[in-house]
Amino acid sequence: MSECRDRRHQMTAMVTLARHRNSLLRVSAFMTTLTRFLKRPASVLVAGALCIPFATTHAQSPAEASYARVAQAWKGTRTLEANFEQKITNPIVGRSVSSSGVFQQERPGKLAITFTQPAGDRIVGDGKSLWVYLPSSTPGQVLKLPASADGAIVADMLGQLLDTPTRAFAISGGEAATIEGRSTRRVQLLPRTAGSVPFQKAVLWLDDKEPRPVRVQVVDGQGVDRTITLTTWRPDATLPANTFTFQVPKGVKVSTKLPGS
């Protein structure tokens, strides 16, 4: 019963977050419990220090080899700064929204997502709390969640996909594809156990030259499609000291509960 209740709470949190327009928290079941963002001490998120190397007794397919190469490089990445463009298509409401911005992270457990479109929106994980400030859709309010909250992981797509042990996925694909002028391999990840991860399907387009993803697509259990194109990728970037600090703007109310909870 406790497990069912936890799962219901998780789905409620993610569905609520999904209602925020143009934000990375719009996915109703992505990124929220596999590598448990900020929940696994000294091990995960946004970069996730615990990546189990790909080990298998059979010869690797092109898809498996591409995934293993990128996951291994990700394992050694301490910080990251990347520009992104995101499109979320929600078949439930029948519409798509786009956003863009800069994604920054530092292991363990810190991230910052600064949106340039819609400008002013920001999500910050400082290692203790996750601050969700989306004045474009909820003006005058900032949501403060504990680092251990289910909704916290929604912001860490890369950690979800690259830190998770490969045995959790059936890896297929490997077809060549050109994305943003870059030669990539299309790699599909399907969870081996239904409900074991908060997404139904994930597709990574992995660069042939650099060990990094160029595009990431995640489809959740409700069919919400979230596709992020990483237009730049700067691993081990030197980040300003205040990158993961959130200052509550004057006049903005701090809420510690998800709307509707």
Protein backbone atom coordinates (compact mmCIF):
# COMPACT_ATOMS: atom_id res chain seq x y z
CA MET A 1 0.00 0.00 0.00
CA SER A 2 2.83 2.37 0.89
CA GLU A 3 4.47 1.75 -2.49
CA CYS A 4 1.20 2.44 -4.33
CA ARG A 5 0.67 5.60 -2.31
CA ASP A 6 4.20 6.78 -3.08
CA ARG A 7 3.64 6.16 -6.77
CA ARG A 8 0.37 8.08 -6.69
CA HIS A 9 2.11 10.98 -4.98
CA GLN A 10 4.86 10.83 -7.58
CA MET A 11 2.40 10.91 -10.47
CA THR A 12 0.44 13.75 -8.84
CA ALA A 13 3.59 15.83 -8.46
CA MET A 14 4.71 15.20 -12.01
CA VAL A 15 1.30 15.85 -13.56
CA THR A 16 1.10 19.12 -11.65
CA LEU A 17 4.58 20.15 -12.77
CA ALA A 18 3.60 19.29 -16.32
CA ARG A 19 1.10 22.12 -16.33
CA HIS A 20 3.76 24.81 -16.14
CA ARG A 21 4.12 26.21 -19.63
CA ASN A 22 7.48 26.32 -21.35
CA SER A 23 9.45 24.71 -18.54
CA LEU A 24 11.47 21.60 -18.03
CA LEU A 25 8.99 20.60 -15.38
CA ARG A 26 6.25 19.98 -17.87
CA VAL A 27 6.87 16.31 -18.28
CA SER A 28 4.41 14.39 -16.19
CA ALA A 29 6.48 11.33 -15.67
CA PHE A 30 10.00 11.95 -16.78
CA MET A 31 13.02 12.23 -14.77
CA THR A 32 11.64 11.52 -11.43
CA THR A 33 13.00 8.45 -10.01
CA LEU A 34 15.63 6.43 -11.31
CA THR A 35 18.68 8.27 -10.38
CA ARG A 36 16.66 10.26 -7.83
CA PHE A 37 17.79 13.80 -8.38
CA LEU A 38 19.59 15.12 -5.35
CA LYS A 39 18.33 12.11 -3.45
CA ARG A 40 21.27 9.77 -3.77
CA PRO A 41 24.05 11.20 -1.60
CA ALA A 42 27.24 12.03 -3.44
CA SER A 43 26.22 10.08 -6.44
CA VAL A 44 23.72 11.59 -8.74
CA LEU A 45 22.27 14.15 -10.66
CA VAL A 46 22.64 16.31 -13.08
CA ALA A 47 25.68 14.45 -13.78
CA GLY A 48 25.32 11.43 -11.65
CA ALA A 49 28.50 9.96 -10.34
CA LEU A 50 27.26 6.42 -10.29
CA CYS A 51 27.28 5.19 -13.83
CA ILE A 52 27.75 1.45 -14.11
CA PRO A 53 29.95 0.73 -17.11
CA PHE A 54 28.41 -1.32 -19.85
CA ALA A 55 29.36 -4.92 -19.27
CA THR A 56 28.07 -7.74 -21.38
CA THR A 57 29.10 -11.14 -22.58
CA HIS A 58 28.03 -10.57 -26.17
CA ALA A 59 29.48 -8.30 -28.81
CA GLN A 60 28.13 -4.78 -28.55
CA SER A 61 25.81 -3.52 -31.24
CA PRO A 62 26.46 -0.07 -32.75
CA ALA A 63 23.74 1.35 -30.48
CA GLU A 64 25.22 -0.24 -27.36
CA ALA A 65 28.72 0.89 -28.25
CA SER A 66 27.59 4.48 -28.83
CA TYR A 67 25.69 4.55 -25.57
CA ALA A 68 28.57 3.03 -23.60
CA ARG A 69 31.04 5.58 -25.00
CA VAL A 70 28.85 8.56 -24.04
CA ALA A 71 27.92 7.13 -20.62
CA GLN A 72 31.57 6.55 -19.80
CA ALA A 73 32.47 10.15 -20.68
CA TRP A 74 29.48 11.38 -18.68
CA LYS A 75 30.72 9.46 -15.66
CA GLY A 76 33.85 11.60 -15.53
CA THR A 77 32.10 14.92 -16.08
CA ARG A 78 32.12 17.14 -12.98
CA THR A 79 30.36 20.21 -14.36
CA LEU A 80 28.41 20.99 -17.52
CA GLU A 81 27.11 24.05 -19.28
CA ALA A 82 24.91 23.58 -22.35
CA ASN A 83 22.51 25.66 -24.38
CA PHE A 84 19.27 23.91 -25.20
CA GLU A 85 16.12 24.19 -27.28
CA GLN A 86 13.11 22.28 -26.04
CA LYS A 87 9.78 21.31 -27.55
CA ILE A 88 7.05 19.63 -25.54
CA THR A 89 4.05 18.11 -27.28
CA ASN A 90 1.11 17.18 -25.08
CA PRO A 91 -1.47 14.99 -26.86
CA ILE A 92 -3.82 15.32 -23.90
CA VAL A 93 -4.37 19.03 -24.48
CA GLY A 94 -3.45 18.88 -28.15
CA ARG A 95 -0.73 21.51 -28.26
CA SER A 96 3.03 22.02 -28.34
CA VAL A 97 5.18 24.64 -26.66
CA SER A 98 8.82 25.56 -27.19
CA SER A 99 11.43 27.01 -24.88
CA SER A 100 15.17 27.60 -24.81
CA GLY A 101 17.88 28.48 -22.35
CA VAL A 102 21.05 27.44 -20.58
CA PHE A 103 21.48 24.30 -18.49
CA GLN A 104 24.26 24.19 -15.87
CA GLN A 105 25.12 21.48 -13.41
CA GLU A 106 27.66 20.43 -10.86
CA ARG A 107 27.87 17.09 -9.15
CA PRO A 108 26.69 16.07 -6.79
CA GLY A 109 23.18 17.41 -6.78
CA LYS A 110 23.30 20.93 -8.16
CA LEU A 111 21.70 22.38 -11.29
CA ALA A 112 20.49 25.61 -12.77
CA ILE A 113 18.16 26.05 -15.72
CA THR A 114 17.92 29.63 -16.91
CA PHE A 115 15.34 30.19 -19.64
CA THR A 116 15.87 32.77 -22.33
CA GLN A 117 12.46 31.90 -23.76
CA PRO A 118 10.33 32.49 -21.79
CA ALA A 119 12.75 35.00 -20.33
CA GLY A 120 12.85 35.22 -16.55
CA ASP A 121 11.91 31.64 -15.78
CA ARG A 122 14.48 29.78 -13.69
CA ILE A 123 14.91 26.46 -11.92
CA VAL A 124 17.71 26.02 -9.37
CA GLY A 125 18.77 23.00 -7.36
CA ASP A 126 21.23 24.15 -4.70
CA GLY A 127 21.84 20.74 -3.15
CA LYS A 128 19.28 21.25 -0.40
CA SER A 129 16.20 22.57 -2.19
CA LEU A 130 14.80 22.84 -5.69
CA TRP A 131 13.55 26.33 -6.52
CA VAL A 132 11.01 26.55 -9.34
CA TYR A 133 10.43 30.14 -10.42
CA LEU A 134 8.19 30.47 -13.48
CA PRO A 135 6.82 34.01 -13.66
CA SER A 136 5.69 33.41 -17.24
CA SER A 137 2.99 31.02 -15.99
CA THR A 138 2.77 31.56 -12.20
CA PRO A 139 3.74 35.18 -11.50
CA GLY A 140 4.42 36.30 -7.95
CA GLN A 141 5.30 32.85 -6.67
CA VAL A 142 8.32 30.58 -6.37
CA LEU A 143 7.99 26.91 -5.48
CA LYS A 144 10.52 25.53 -2.99
CA LEU A 145 10.77 21.73 -2.91
CA PRO A 146 13.02 19.57 -0.75
CA ALA A 147 15.90 17.97 -2.60
CA SER A 148 14.38 14.57 -1.86
CA ALA A 149 11.00 15.39 -3.40
CA ASP A 150 9.91 13.30 -6.36
CA GLY A 151 9.41 16.41 -8.45
CA ALA A 152 13.03 17.40 -8.02
CA ILE A 153 14.31 14.85 -10.51
CA VAL A 154 12.14 16.18 -13.24
CA ALA A 155 14.91 18.61 -14.05
CA ASP A 156 17.59 15.99 -14.65
CA MET A 157 16.95 14.30 -17.95
CA LEU A 158 20.60 13.59 -18.66
CA GLY A 159 21.21 12.00 -15.29
CA GLN A 160 18.14 9.82 -15.73
CA LEU A 161 19.36 8.49 -19.05
CA LEU A 162 23.12 8.28 -18.61
CA ASP A 163 23.53 7.41 -14.93
CA THR A 164 21.04 4.57 -14.93
CA PRO A 165 22.57 1.08 -15.16
CA THR A 166 22.36 -0.14 -18.72
CA ARG A 167 20.76 -3.37 -17.56
CA ALA A 168 17.61 -1.34 -16.84
CA PHE A 169 17.11 -0.71 -20.57
CA ALA A 170 16.73 -2.61 -23.79
CA ILE A 171 19.06 -0.68 -26.10
CA SER A 172 18.41 -0.72 -29.83
CA GLY A 173 18.83 1.35 -32.96
CA GLY A 174 22.24 2.61 -33.97
CA GLU A 175 21.12 4.11 -37.28
CA ALA A 176 23.09 7.06 -38.62
CA ALA A 177 21.34 10.43 -38.54
CA THR A 178 22.37 14.04 -39.08
CA ILE A 179 21.17 16.42 -36.36
CA GLU A 180 22.04 20.11 -36.40
CA GLY A 181 24.73 19.35 -38.96
CA ARG A 182 26.35 16.73 -36.74
CA SER A 183 26.73 13.04 -37.54
CA THR A 184 25.01 11.00 -34.84
CA ARG A 185 23.74 7.54 -33.96
CA ARG A 186 20.08 7.16 -33.00
CA VAL A 187 19.85 5.04 -29.84
CA GLN A 188 16.54 3.96 -28.34
CA LEU A 189 16.09 3.02 -24.68
CA LEU A 190 13.08 1.01 -23.54
CA PRO A 191 12.66 0.08 -19.85
CA ARG A 192 12.88 -3.67 -19.34
CA THR A 193 10.32 -3.52 -16.54
CA ALA A 194 7.15 -1.49 -16.97
CA GLY A 195 6.92 1.24 -14.35
CA SER A 196 10.55 0.88 -13.32
CA VAL A 197 11.40 4.28 -14.76
CA PRO A 198 9.21 7.37 -15.22
CA PHE A 199 9.16 7.23 -18.99
CA GLN A 200 7.83 4.94 -21.65
CA LYS A 201 10.53 5.47 -24.24
CA ALA A 202 13.69 7.51 -24.68
CA VAL A 203 15.70 8.21 -27.82
CA LEU A 204 19.21 9.65 -27.80
CA TRP A 205 21.04 11.01 -30.82
CA LEU A 206 24.69 10.55 -29.85
CA ASP A 207 27.49 12.42 -31.56
CA ASP A 208 29.87 10.30 -33.64
CA LYS A 209 32.90 12.47 -32.82
CA GLU A 210 32.32 13.90 -29.36
CA PRO A 211 31.08 11.63 -26.56
CA ARG A 212 27.89 13.54 -25.94
CA PRO A 213 24.17 13.65 -26.79
CA VAL A 214 23.04 16.08 -29.47
CA ARG A 215 19.31 15.51 -29.02
CA VAL A 216 17.24 13.72 -26.39
CA GLN A 217 13.60 12.66 -26.65
CA VAL A 218 11.55 11.26 -23.78
CA VAL A 219 7.96 10.07 -24.01
CA ASP A 220 6.12 9.53 -20.74
CA GLY A 221 3.28 7.19 -19.89
CA GLN A 222 0.67 9.73 -20.97
CA GLY A 223 2.27 10.25 -24.35
CA VAL A 224 3.78 13.65 -23.55
CA ASP A 225 6.78 14.05 -25.87
CA ARG A 226 9.68 16.13 -24.61
CA THR A 227 12.51 16.72 -27.07
CA ILE A 228 15.62 18.69 -26.17
CA THR A 229 18.32 19.67 -28.65
CA LEU A 230 21.64 20.56 -27.05
CA THR A 231 23.05 23.24 -29.33
CA THR A 232 26.25 23.59 -27.29
CA TRP A 233 28.05 21.28 -24.87
CA ARG A 234 30.80 22.42 -22.48
CA PRO A 235 31.83 19.67 -20.04
CA ASP A 236 33.93 20.61 -17.01
CA ALA A 237 33.04 24.25 -17.56
CA THR A 238 34.11 26.80 -14.96
CA LEU A 239 30.87 28.09 -13.47
CA PRO A 240 30.36 31.31 -11.45
CA ALA A 241 30.20 30.82 -7.69
CA ASN A 242 26.57 31.99 -7.53
CA THR A 243 25.33 29.72 -10.32
CA PHE A 244 23.35 27.51 -7.94
CA THR A 245 22.09 30.25 -5.63
CA PHE A 246 18.50 31.44 -5.90
CA GLN A 247 17.56 34.83 -4.49
CA VAL A 248 13.83 35.24 -3.96
CA PRO A 249 12.76 38.39 -5.85
CA LYS A 250 11.16 41.14 -3.80
CA GLY A 251 7.43 40.69 -3.47
CA VAL A 252 7.48 37.05 -4.57
CA LYS A 253 5.75 34.53 -2.29
CA VAL A 254 7.54 31.29 -1.42
CA SER A 255 5.33 28.19 -1.55
CA THR A 256 6.43 24.79 -0.28
CA LYS A 257 3.45 22.88 -1.64
CA LEU A 258 2.62 21.90 -5.19
CA PRO A 259 -0.56 23.50 -6.51
CA GLY A 260 -3.47 21.20 -5.79
CA SER A 261 -1.62 19.13 -3.21
